[in-house]
Structures are given as C-alpha cells and as structure tokens.
C-alpha cells in the first residue's frame, strides 16, 4: 500500500508541475518589450550624450572666437582711446584759448555798451534839459500872453456911437480886433484908406478918405451904402461911426478908425452876423 500510495503521489505532483503553454508565451513577450525599451533608452541616451557633447564643443569654439574678438576690440579700443585722449588734450588747449579770447571780447563789448549807454543817457539828459527850458519859456510866454489878453480885455469897452446908439465892444488896435473876431458877436472887416484915392470896397459898402489931421487924430471920410453917400466929418479915432443899411435899413454898421497918419487911416468895419457879405472880401476880412 505504501508503494502504491507513493507512486500515486508522485504522479499527482508531476501533473501539478506540468507548464501551461499560454502562460509561458506571455512571459516571453514581456521580456521582449522590456528588452526593446532598454535598447531604445540606451540609444536615446547615447544620442543625447552625443548631441550634448557636440553643443559643448560648439560653445567652446564660440567662446574661443569671442575671446579673440574681445582681445581685438580691447586692442582697438585702447588705440582709439589713446588717439582720442591726444586729440582731447589739443582740443582742451584750443578751447582754453578760445574761451579766453571770447571772455576778452565780451569784456570789451560790455565796456563799449556801457560807454554808449552813458553817452546816450547824457544826450537824453541834455535833450530833457533843453525841453524843460523850452517848456519853461513856453510857460512864460503863455503867462505873458494871458496877461496881455487880460489887459486887452480890460481895454475893450462899450461906447455910444455918433448916432447915439449903444455900440458893441470897441477895439483900439489890431490885437484887440483879433480878439473881437474870435468872440463871434459880429463880423469884422479890416481896411486901410489912403487920402485922395477912389472909394475902397469894404464888405457891401464903400469908404473914401477925404481929410486927415494926424496931430489931433481926426479925419473925414465918406460912406457909400445903398446908393447913398454919408459924410462923417471931423471924427475922432476910436469913435464908432454908425449908419443903417440893408433892405429894411435896420442893420447897424459901424466904422472904427484906430490909427491916423499923414495920408492914411487904419480901422475896421463891423456888421451884424446876418448882414450880407461881399462876394470878394478885401485882405484882412474875417
């Protein structure tokens, strides 16, 4: 029994250890894949090592070239720096000379301008002094003229004419006559009459000197107005010789003589503003 039992036991073990074909095939495939991966990894690692080595070689070559270029640049830079330093040294010397010359020129210009300003100020002061003197003189003249005018106004007076009519202001000289003209109350015509001459036209009337007496300041003249002749005999200077004329014979005219000489008299004719005027006025008419 023992031998048979052992035999059966061995057969059972043998049957148990018999290999399954499908299981054996799966293990071989895994080994192949692993092997392929390992080979690929080795190849890839070798490629990477080769590529890295190549890049390192290129970098080393470029580094060497860069060092050579740097050395060349340093050499060129040194040469250029030396040359530039030499030029700058010369330029600084020239610049110093030019600066000194410019400063000297500026000082000269400032001095010249200062002198010109002083001269201009002196001239202006002289002109101002002259203008001030002129202004002072003008003020004096104005004051004198004002004084004379006030004196002239004081001399102007109103008198009664030879017809007994109250006359306007009477001028005793040509200066006073100019003052009357500017008042604008009446119209004034100056005249100078010569003894023995034909009648002289003054405005719309005619005047003729008949007789003069310089010692007594007396005279005789004829007045022709409205085709009528009126003789003013032995009249005195500055006496208003009055007569009426015009269409209505209401316009009062006055003749005043203020100078009498050997053969002539000088004076003026005074007419109302609305009185007619001659087409051609004699010299000196307003």
C-alpha atoms as a PDB file:
ATOM      1  CA  UNK A   1       0.000   0.000   0.000  1.00  0.00           C
ATOM      2  CA  UNK A   2       2.797   2.215   0.739  1.00  0.00           C
ATOM      3  CA  UNK A   3       4.461   1.820  -2.608  1.00  0.00           C
ATOM      4  CA  UNK A   4       1.230   2.369  -4.483  1.00  0.00           C
ATOM      5  CA  UNK A   5       0.470   5.391  -2.446  1.00  0.00           C
ATOM      6  CA  UNK A   6       3.856   6.882  -3.123  1.00  0.00           C
ATOM      7  CA  UNK A   7       3.503   6.211  -6.844  1.00  0.00           C
ATOM      8  CA  UNK A   8       0.166   7.931  -6.946  1.00  0.00           C
ATOM      9  CA  UNK A   9       1.608  10.828  -5.028  1.00  0.00           C
ATOM     10  CA  UNK A  10       4.456  11.269  -7.484  1.00  0.00           C
ATOM     11  CA  UNK A  11       2.142  11.198 -10.442  1.00  0.00           C
ATOM     12  CA  UNK A  12      -0.006  13.803  -8.815  1.00  0.00           C
ATOM     13  CA  UNK A  13       2.982  16.077  -8.237  1.00  0.00           C
ATOM     14  CA  UNK A  14       4.128  15.628 -11.815  1.00  0.00           C
ATOM     15  CA  UNK A  15       0.739  16.528 -13.089  1.00  0.00           C
ATOM     16  CA  UNK A  16       0.722  19.513 -10.845  1.00  0.00           C
ATOM     17  CA  UNK A  17       4.099  20.889 -12.119  1.00  0.00           C
ATOM     18  CA  UNK A  18       3.333  20.483 -15.827  1.00  0.00           C
ATOM     19  CA  UNK A  19       3.756  24.037 -17.539  1.00  0.00           C
ATOM     20  CA  UNK A  20       0.790  25.775 -19.227  1.00  0.00           C
ATOM     21  CA  UNK A  21       1.774  26.794 -22.809  1.00  0.00           C
ATOM     22  CA  UNK A  22      -0.217  30.065 -22.723  1.00  0.00           C
ATOM     23  CA  UNK A  23       1.438  31.139 -19.535  1.00  0.00           C
ATOM     24  CA  UNK A  24       4.924  30.535 -20.933  1.00  0.00           C
ATOM     25  CA  UNK A  25       4.210  32.561 -24.070  1.00  0.00           C
ATOM     26  CA  UNK A  26       3.043  35.634 -22.083  1.00  0.00           C
ATOM     27  CA  UNK A  27       6.272  35.752 -20.091  1.00  0.00           C
ATOM     28  CA  UNK A  28       8.467  35.753 -23.210  1.00  0.00           C
ATOM     29  CA  UNK A  29       6.537  38.759 -24.720  1.00  0.00           C
ATOM     30  CA  UNK A  30       7.095  40.824 -21.607  1.00  0.00           C
ATOM     31  CA  UNK A  31      10.798  40.135 -21.734  1.00  0.00           C
ATOM     32  CA  UNK A  32      10.963  41.229 -25.383  1.00  0.00           C
ATOM     33  CA  UNK A  33       9.174  44.520 -24.686  1.00  0.00           C
ATOM     34  CA  UNK A  34      11.420  45.211 -21.748  1.00  0.00           C
ATOM     35  CA  UNK A  35      14.436  44.483 -23.868  1.00  0.00           C
ATOM     36  CA  UNK A  36      13.233  46.812 -26.628  1.00  0.00           C
ATOM     37  CA  UNK A  37      12.601  49.624 -24.149  1.00  0.00           C
ATOM     38  CA  UNK A  38      16.023  49.136 -22.650  1.00  0.00           C
ATOM     39  CA  UNK A  39      17.680  49.246 -26.070  1.00  0.00           C
ATOM     40  CA  UNK A  40      15.708  52.354 -27.034  1.00  0.00           C
ATOM     41  CA  UNK A  41      16.654  54.050 -23.802  1.00  0.00           C
ATOM     42  CA  UNK A  42      20.315  53.212 -24.363  1.00  0.00           C
ATOM     43  CA  UNK A  43      20.165  54.544 -27.908  1.00  0.00           C
ATOM     44  CA  UNK A  44      18.341  57.729 -26.861  1.00  0.00           C
ATOM     45  CA  UNK A  45      20.778  58.271 -24.003  1.00  0.00           C
ATOM     46  CA  UNK A  46      23.692  57.789 -26.372  1.00  0.00           C
ATOM     47  CA  UNK A  47      22.182  60.297 -28.833  1.00  0.00           C
ATOM     48  CA  UNK A  48      21.598  62.814 -26.096  1.00  0.00           C
ATOM     49  CA  UNK A  49      25.155  62.409 -24.865  1.00  0.00           C
ATOM     50  CA  UNK A  50      26.487  62.863 -28.412  1.00  0.00           C
ATOM     51  CA  UNK A  51      24.302  65.931 -29.023  1.00  0.00           C
ATOM     52  CA  UNK A  52      25.328  67.468 -25.718  1.00  0.00           C
ATOM     53  CA  UNK A  53      28.951  66.836 -26.481  1.00  0.00           C
ATOM     54  CA  UNK A  54      28.555  68.496 -29.880  1.00  0.00           C
ATOM     55  CA  UNK A  55      26.893  71.553 -28.336  1.00  0.00           C
ATOM     56  CA  UNK A  56      29.597  71.808 -25.707  1.00  0.00           C
ATOM     57  CA  UNK A  57      32.238  71.674 -28.474  1.00  0.00           C
ATOM     58  CA  UNK A  58      30.431  74.421 -30.404  1.00  0.00           C
ATOM     59  CA  UNK A  59      30.187  76.549 -27.268  1.00  0.00           C
ATOM     60  CA  UNK A  60      33.878  76.064 -26.612  1.00  0.00           C
ATOM     61  CA  UNK A  61      34.729  77.113 -30.182  1.00  0.00           C
ATOM     62  CA  UNK A  62      32.436  80.148 -29.933  1.00  0.00           C
ATOM     63  CA  UNK A  63      33.955  81.036 -26.571  1.00  0.00           C
ATOM     64  CA  UNK A  64      37.423  80.928 -28.078  1.00  0.00           C
ATOM     65  CA  UNK A  65      36.266  83.095 -31.003  1.00  0.00           C
ATOM     66  CA  UNK A  66      34.621  85.512 -28.597  1.00  0.00           C
ATOM     67  CA  UNK A  67      37.791  85.769 -26.561  1.00  0.00           C
ATOM     68  CA  UNK A  68      39.737  86.534 -29.720  1.00  0.00           C
ATOM     69  CA  UNK A  69      37.247  89.209 -30.767  1.00  0.00           C
ATOM     70  CA  UNK A  70      37.281  90.672 -27.275  1.00  0.00           C
ATOM     71  CA  UNK A  71      41.056  90.877 -27.355  1.00  0.00           C
ATOM     72  CA  UNK A  72      40.938  92.576 -30.756  1.00  0.00           C
ATOM     73  CA  UNK A  73      38.269  95.000 -29.553  1.00  0.00           C
ATOM     74  CA  UNK A  74      40.232  95.805 -26.439  1.00  0.00           C
ATOM     75  CA  UNK A  75      43.297  96.487 -28.553  1.00  0.00           C
ATOM     76  CA  UNK A  76      41.336  98.706 -30.956  1.00  0.00           C
ATOM     77  CA  UNK A  77      39.630 100.461 -28.050  1.00  0.00           C
ATOM     78  CA  UNK A  78      42.944 101.152 -26.386  1.00  0.00           C
ATOM     79  CA  UNK A  79      44.372 102.578 -29.609  1.00  0.00           C
ATOM     80  CA  UNK A  80      41.269 104.676 -30.169  1.00  0.00           C
ATOM     81  CA  UNK A  81      41.298 105.863 -26.546  1.00  0.00           C
ATOM     82  CA  UNK A  82      44.911 106.895 -26.800  1.00  0.00           C
ATOM     83  CA  UNK A  83      44.289 108.802 -30.034  1.00  0.00           C
ATOM     84  CA  UNK A  84      41.149 110.437 -28.613  1.00  0.00           C
ATOM     85  CA  UNK A  85      42.994 111.400 -25.431  1.00  0.00           C
ATOM     86  CA  UNK A  86      45.643 113.078 -27.547  1.00  0.00           C
ATOM     87  CA  UNK A  87      43.017 114.949 -29.582  1.00  0.00           C
ATOM     88  CA  UNK A  88      41.094 115.935 -26.453  1.00  0.00           C
ATOM     89  CA  UNK A  89      44.267 117.309 -24.951  1.00  0.00           C
ATOM     90  CA  UNK A  90      44.785 119.504 -28.013  1.00  0.00           C
ATOM     91  CA  UNK A  91      41.107 120.480 -28.050  1.00  0.00           C
ATOM     92  CA  UNK A  92      41.209 121.495 -24.413  1.00  0.00           C
ATOM     93  CA  UNK A  93      44.175 123.738 -25.109  1.00  0.00           C
ATOM     94  CA  UNK A  94      42.437 125.310 -28.099  1.00  0.00           C
ATOM     95  CA  UNK A  95      39.207 125.619 -26.111  1.00  0.00           C
ATOM     96  CA  UNK A  96      41.030 127.424 -23.329  1.00  0.00           C
ATOM     97  CA  UNK A  97      42.473 129.892 -25.849  1.00  0.00           C
ATOM     98  CA  UNK A  98      39.118 130.434 -27.495  1.00  0.00           C
ATOM     99  CA  UNK A  99      37.431 130.871 -24.112  1.00  0.00           C
ATOM    100  CA  UNK A 100      39.989 133.470 -23.093  1.00  0.00           C
ATOM    101  CA  UNK A 101      39.534 135.311 -26.405  1.00  0.00           C
ATOM    102  CA  UNK A 102      35.741 135.164 -26.040  1.00  0.00           C
ATOM    103  CA  UNK A 103      35.880 136.492 -22.496  1.00  0.00           C
ATOM    104  CA  UNK A 104      38.125 139.330 -23.619  1.00  0.00           C
ATOM    105  CA  UNK A 105      35.709 140.136 -26.455  1.00  0.00           C
ATOM    106  CA  UNK A 106      32.749 140.056 -24.064  1.00  0.00           C
ATOM    107  CA  UNK A 107      34.506 142.388 -21.640  1.00  0.00           C
ATOM    108  CA  UNK A 108      35.269 144.775 -24.498  1.00  0.00           C
ATOM    109  CA  UNK A 109      31.650 144.631 -25.688  1.00  0.00           C
ATOM    110  CA  UNK A 110      30.334 145.256 -22.179  1.00  0.00           C
ATOM    111  CA  UNK A 111      32.668 148.219 -21.764  1.00  0.00           C
ATOM    112  CA  UNK A 112      31.681 149.637 -25.161  1.00  0.00           C
ATOM    113  CA  UNK A 113      27.978 149.171 -24.398  1.00  0.00           C
ATOM    114  CA  UNK A 114      28.409 150.821 -21.021  1.00  0.00           C
ATOM    115  CA  UNK A 115      30.093 153.820 -22.630  1.00  0.00           C
ATOM    116  CA  UNK A 116      27.379 154.041 -25.276  1.00  0.00           C
ATOM    117  CA  UNK A 117      24.691 153.900 -22.597  1.00  0.00           C
ATOM    118  CA  UNK A 118      26.417 156.621 -20.609  1.00  0.00           C
ATOM    119  CA  UNK A 119      26.684 158.770 -23.742  1.00  0.00           C
ATOM    120  CA  UNK A 120      23.031 158.119 -24.639  1.00  0.00           C
ATOM    121  CA  UNK A 121      21.922 158.962 -21.110  1.00  0.00           C
ATOM    122  CA  UNK A 122      23.973 162.153 -21.242  1.00  0.00           C
ATOM    123  CA  UNK A 123      22.415 163.121 -24.569  1.00  0.00           C
ATOM    124  CA  UNK A 124      18.919 162.366 -23.256  1.00  0.00           C
ATOM    125  CA  UNK A 125      19.584 164.423 -20.156  1.00  0.00           C
ATOM    126  CA  UNK A 126      20.764 167.289 -22.362  1.00  0.00           C
ATOM    127  CA  UNK A 127      17.655 166.998 -24.526  1.00  0.00           C
ATOM    128  CA  UNK A 128      15.430 166.817 -21.469  1.00  0.00           C
ATOM    129  CA  UNK A 129      17.113 169.931 -20.099  1.00  0.00           C
ATOM    130  CA  UNK A 130      16.531 171.660 -23.426  1.00  0.00           C
ATOM    131  CA  UNK A 131      12.892 170.567 -23.500  1.00  0.00           C
ATOM    132  CA  UNK A 132      12.466 171.718 -19.917  1.00  0.00           C
ATOM    133  CA  UNK A 133      13.929 175.088 -20.851  1.00  0.00           C
ATOM    134  CA  UNK A 134      11.571 175.283 -23.837  1.00  0.00           C
ATOM    135  CA  UNK A 135       8.629 174.334 -21.614  1.00  0.00           C
ATOM    136  CA  UNK A 136       9.616 176.966 -19.079  1.00  0.00           C
ATOM    137  CA  UNK A 137       9.942 179.516 -21.860  1.00  0.00           C
ATOM    138  CA  UNK A 138       6.562 178.462 -23.252  1.00  0.00           C
ATOM    139  CA  UNK A 139       5.003 178.771 -19.831  1.00  0.00           C
ATOM    140  CA  UNK A 140       6.460 182.239 -19.545  1.00  0.00           C
ATOM    141  CA  UNK A 141       5.127 183.153 -22.990  1.00  0.00           C
ATOM    142  CA  UNK A 142       1.701 181.743 -22.142  1.00  0.00           C
ATOM    143  CA  UNK A 143       1.674 183.671 -18.898  1.00  0.00           C
ATOM    144  CA  UNK A 144       2.710 186.827 -20.747  1.00  0.00           C
ATOM    145  CA  UNK A 145       0.062 186.241 -23.424  1.00  0.00           C
ATOM    146  CA  UNK A 146      -2.535 185.646 -20.733  1.00  0.00           C
ATOM    147  CA  UNK A 147      -1.519 188.853 -19.020  1.00  0.00           C
ATOM    148  CA  UNK A 148      -1.662 190.755 -22.313  1.00  0.00           C
ATOM    149  CA  UNK A 149      -5.022 189.225 -23.104  1.00  0.00           C
ATOM    150  CA  UNK A 150      -6.397 190.184 -19.745  1.00  0.00           C
ATOM    151  CA  UNK A 151      -5.050 193.692 -20.280  1.00  0.00           C
ATOM    152  CA  UNK A 152      -6.616 193.791 -23.748  1.00  0.00           C
ATOM    153  CA  UNK A 153      -9.946 192.608 -22.374  1.00  0.00           C
ATOM    154  CA  UNK A 154      -9.735 195.326 -19.791  1.00  0.00           C
ATOM    155  CA  UNK A 155      -9.221 197.909 -22.542  1.00  0.00           C
ATOM    156  CA  UNK A 156     -12.237 196.713 -24.552  1.00  0.00           C
ATOM    157  CA  UNK A 157     -15.248 198.795 -23.693  1.00  0.00           C
ATOM    158  CA  UNK A 158     -18.671 199.642 -24.954  1.00  0.00           C
ATOM    159  CA  UNK A 159     -19.410 203.196 -26.059  1.00  0.00           C
ATOM    160  CA  UNK A 160     -22.171 205.196 -27.714  1.00  0.00           C
ATOM    161  CA  UNK A 161     -21.775 205.819 -31.436  1.00  0.00           C
ATOM    162  CA  UNK A 162     -22.192 209.032 -33.362  1.00  0.00           C
ATOM    163  CA  UNK A 163     -25.877 208.201 -33.906  1.00  0.00           C
ATOM    164  CA  UNK A 164     -26.416 207.930 -30.161  1.00  0.00           C
ATOM    165  CA  UNK A 165     -26.814 204.143 -30.338  1.00  0.00           C
ATOM    166  CA  UNK A 166     -25.089 201.959 -27.780  1.00  0.00           C
ATOM    167  CA  UNK A 167     -22.279 200.268 -29.667  1.00  0.00           C
ATOM    168  CA  UNK A 168     -20.702 196.906 -29.016  1.00  0.00           C
ATOM    169  CA  UNK A 169     -17.166 196.444 -27.744  1.00  0.00           C
ATOM    170  CA  UNK A 170     -14.633 198.732 -29.420  1.00  0.00           C
ATOM    171  CA  UNK A 171     -11.151 197.604 -30.499  1.00  0.00           C
ATOM    172  CA  UNK A 172      -8.338 200.109 -30.069  1.00  0.00           C
ATOM    173  CA  UNK A 173      -5.727 198.113 -32.034  1.00  0.00           C
ATOM    174  CA  UNK A 174      -5.378 195.193 -34.406  1.00  0.00           C
ATOM    175  CA  UNK A 175      -4.696 192.820 -31.493  1.00  0.00           C
ATOM    176  CA  UNK A 176      -7.944 193.853 -29.862  1.00  0.00           C
ATOM    177  CA  UNK A 177      -9.670 193.490 -33.216  1.00  0.00           C
ATOM    178  CA  UNK A 178      -8.468 189.869 -33.472  1.00  0.00           C
ATOM    179  CA  UNK A 179      -9.936 189.273 -30.044  1.00  0.00           C
ATOM    180  CA  UNK A 180     -13.285 190.680 -31.165  1.00  0.00           C
ATOM    181  CA  UNK A 181     -13.236 188.477 -34.255  1.00  0.00           C
ATOM    182  CA  UNK A 182     -12.882 185.377 -32.118  1.00  0.00           C
ATOM    183  CA  UNK A 183     -15.810 186.387 -29.929  1.00  0.00           C
ATOM    184  CA  UNK A 184     -18.128 185.848 -32.883  1.00  0.00           C
ATOM    185  CA  UNK A 185     -20.664 188.523 -31.890  1.00  0.00           C
ATOM    186  CA  UNK A 186     -20.312 190.440 -35.175  1.00  0.00           C
ATOM    187  CA  UNK A 187     -18.408 190.249 -38.437  1.00  0.00           C
ATOM    188  CA  UNK A 188     -15.308 192.448 -38.816  1.00  0.00           C
ATOM    189  CA  UNK A 189     -13.536 193.731 -41.948  1.00  0.00           C
ATOM    190  CA  UNK A 190     -10.163 195.484 -41.678  1.00  0.00           C
ATOM    191  CA  UNK A 191      -9.264 198.341 -44.021  1.00  0.00           C
ATOM    192  CA  UNK A 192      -6.578 200.941 -44.784  1.00  0.00           C
ATOM    193  CA  UNK A 193      -7.704 204.074 -46.617  1.00  0.00           C
ATOM    194  CA  UNK A 194      -5.380 206.456 -48.484  1.00  0.00           C
ATOM    195  CA  UNK A 195      -6.251 210.112 -48.850  1.00  0.00           C
ATOM    196  CA  UNK A 196      -7.059 211.164 -52.420  1.00  0.00           C
ATOM    197  CA  UNK A 197      -7.768 207.604 -53.617  1.00  0.00           C
ATOM    198  CA  UNK A 198     -11.082 206.396 -55.068  1.00  0.00           C
ATOM    199  CA  UNK A 199     -13.591 204.755 -52.713  1.00  0.00           C
ATOM    200  CA  UNK A 200     -12.474 201.381 -51.330  1.00  0.00           C
ATOM    201  CA  UNK A 201     -14.910 198.479 -51.247  1.00  0.00           C
ATOM    202  CA  UNK A 202     -15.304 197.041 -47.740  1.00  0.00           C
ATOM    203  CA  UNK A 203     -17.913 194.277 -47.499  1.00  0.00           C
ATOM    204  CA  UNK A 204     -21.096 195.713 -49.100  1.00  0.00           C
ATOM    205  CA  UNK A 205     -20.200 199.394 -48.644  1.00  0.00           C
ATOM    206  CA  UNK A 206     -17.524 201.742 -49.983  1.00  0.00           C
ATOM    207  CA  UNK A 207     -15.320 204.078 -47.930  1.00  0.00           C
ATOM    208  CA  UNK A 208     -13.279 207.085 -49.098  1.00  0.00           C
ATOM    209  CA  UNK A 209     -10.808 209.104 -47.014  1.00  0.00           C
ATOM    210  CA  UNK A 210     -11.331 212.829 -47.544  1.00  0.00           C
ATOM    211  CA  UNK A 211      -9.193 214.513 -44.918  1.00  0.00           C
ATOM    212  CA  UNK A 212      -6.732 213.647 -42.102  1.00  0.00           C
ATOM    213  CA  UNK A 213      -5.313 215.574 -39.118  1.00  0.00           C
ATOM    214  CA  UNK A 214      -2.611 213.390 -37.509  1.00  0.00           C
ATOM    215  CA  UNK A 215      -1.861 215.915 -34.757  1.00  0.00           C
ATOM    216  CA  UNK A 216      -5.433 215.842 -33.454  1.00  0.00           C
ATOM    217  CA  UNK A 217      -6.129 212.250 -34.522  1.00  0.00           C
ATOM    218  CA  UNK A 218      -9.066 213.428 -36.572  1.00  0.00           C
ATOM    219  CA  UNK A 219     -10.287 212.539 -40.050  1.00  0.00           C
ATOM    220  CA  UNK A 220     -13.137 212.919 -42.517  1.00  0.00           C
ATOM    221  CA  UNK A 221     -14.455 210.087 -44.710  1.00  0.00           C
ATOM    222  CA  UNK A 222     -17.416 209.351 -46.932  1.00  0.00           C
ATOM    223  CA  UNK A 223     -19.575 206.211 -46.619  1.00  0.00           C
ATOM    224  CA  UNK A 224     -21.389 204.944 -49.725  1.00  0.00           C
ATOM    225  CA  UNK A 225     -24.187 202.482 -48.852  1.00  0.00           C
ATOM    226  CA  UNK A 226     -27.478 201.688 -50.582  1.00  0.00           C
ATOM    227  CA  UNK A 227     -26.601 204.198 -53.322  1.00  0.00           C
ATOM    228  CA  UNK A 228     -26.401 206.942 -50.726  1.00  0.00           C
ATOM    229  CA  UNK A 229     -23.315 208.822 -49.605  1.00  0.00           C
ATOM    230  CA  UNK A 230     -22.949 209.942 -45.989  1.00  0.00           C
ATOM    231  CA  UNK A 231     -20.009 212.096 -44.955  1.00  0.00           C
ATOM    232  CA  UNK A 232     -18.542 211.606 -41.479  1.00  0.00           C
ATOM    233  CA  UNK A 233     -16.788 214.938 -40.898  1.00  0.00           C
ATOM    234  CA  UNK A 234     -14.027 215.631 -38.360  1.00  0.00           C
ATOM    235  CA  UNK A 235     -14.353 212.398 -36.452  1.00  0.00           C
ATOM    236  CA  UNK A 236     -12.044 211.135 -33.723  1.00  0.00           C
ATOM    237  CA  UNK A 237     -10.168 207.879 -33.599  1.00  0.00           C
ATOM    238  CA  UNK A 238     -11.871 205.015 -31.718  1.00  0.00           C
ATOM    239  CA  UNK A 239     -15.244 206.721 -32.227  1.00  0.00           C
ATOM    240  CA  UNK A 240     -17.907 204.385 -33.694  1.00  0.00           C
ATOM    241  CA  UNK A 241     -19.276 205.896 -36.900  1.00  0.00           C
ATOM    242  CA  UNK A 242     -22.746 204.367 -37.206  1.00  0.00           C
ATOM    243  CA  UNK A 243     -25.134 204.023 -40.168  1.00  0.00           C
ATOM    244  CA  UNK A 244     -28.003 201.779 -41.172  1.00  0.00           C
ATOM    245  CA  UNK A 245     -28.134 199.798 -44.394  1.00  0.00           C
ATOM    246  CA  UNK A 246     -29.763 196.757 -45.930  1.00  0.00           C
ATOM    247  CA  UNK A 247     -33.190 196.097 -47.381  1.00  0.00           C
ATOM    248  CA  UNK A 248     -35.027 197.084 -44.208  1.00  0.00           C
ATOM    249  CA  UNK A 249     -32.444 199.719 -43.251  1.00  0.00           C
ATOM    250  CA  UNK A 250     -32.290 198.185 -39.761  1.00  0.00           C
ATOM    251  CA  UNK A 251     -28.809 196.630 -39.930  1.00  0.00           C
ATOM    252  CA  UNK A 252     -26.470 198.791 -37.852  1.00  0.00           C
ATOM    253  CA  UNK A 253     -22.997 199.117 -39.381  1.00  0.00           C
ATOM    254  CA  UNK A 254     -20.090 200.704 -37.545  1.00  0.00           C
ATOM    255  CA  UNK A 255     -16.774 202.113 -38.758  1.00  0.00           C
ATOM    256  CA  UNK A 256     -13.961 202.482 -36.220  1.00  0.00           C
ATOM    257  CA  UNK A 257     -10.597 204.094 -37.048  1.00  0.00           C
ATOM    258  CA  UNK A 258      -7.817 203.447 -34.526  1.00  0.00           C
ATOM    259  CA  UNK A 259      -4.747 204.899 -36.324  1.00  0.00           C
ATOM    260  CA  UNK A 260      -4.328 208.171 -38.216  1.00  0.00           C
ATOM    261  CA  UNK A 261      -1.121 209.029 -40.082  1.00  0.00           C
ATOM    262  CA  UNK A 262      -0.138 211.715 -42.580  1.00  0.00           C
ATOM    263  CA  UNK A 263      -2.029 210.354 -45.591  1.00  0.00           C
ATOM    264  CA  UNK A 264      -3.960 207.302 -44.362  1.00  0.00           C
ATOM    265  CA  UNK A 265      -6.143 205.789 -41.694  1.00  0.00           C
ATOM    266  CA  UNK A 266      -6.490 202.190 -40.481  1.00  0.00           C
ATOM    267  CA  UNK A 267      -9.521 200.635 -38.866  1.00  0.00           C
ATOM    268  CA  UNK A 268     -12.368 198.181 -39.355  1.00  0.00           C
ATOM    269  CA  UNK A 269     -15.991 197.842 -40.413  1.00  0.00           C
ATOM    270  CA  UNK A 270     -18.327 195.967 -38.054  1.00  0.00           C
ATOM    271  CA  UNK A 271     -21.536 194.368 -39.370  1.00  0.00           C
ATOM    272  CA  UNK A 272     -24.233 192.148 -37.844  1.00  0.00           C
ATOM    273  CA  UNK A 273     -23.732 188.402 -38.294  1.00  0.00           C
ATOM    274  CA  UNK A 274     -26.836 188.113 -40.502  1.00  0.00           C
ATOM    275  CA  UNK A 275     -25.818 191.009 -42.770  1.00  0.00           C
ATOM    276  CA  UNK A 276     -24.984 190.158 -46.410  1.00  0.00           C
ATOM    277  CA  UNK A 277     -21.318 189.813 -47.310  1.00  0.00           C
ATOM    278  CA  UNK A 278     -19.420 190.885 -50.383  1.00  0.00           C
ATOM    279  CA  UNK A 279     -18.626 188.138 -52.925  1.00  0.00           C
ATOM    280  CA  UNK A 280     -14.912 189.098 -52.755  1.00  0.00           C
ATOM    281  CA  UNK A 281     -13.626 190.191 -49.362  1.00  0.00           C
ATOM    282  CA  UNK A 282     -10.714 192.613 -49.049  1.00  0.00           C
ATOM    283  CA  UNK A 283      -7.443 191.447 -47.473  1.00  0.00           C
ATOM    284  CA  UNK A 284      -7.732 191.026 -43.722  1.00  0.00           C
ATOM    285  CA  UNK A 285     -11.519 190.453 -43.790  1.00  0.00           C
ATOM    286  CA  UNK A 286     -12.770 187.802 -41.369  1.00  0.00           C
END
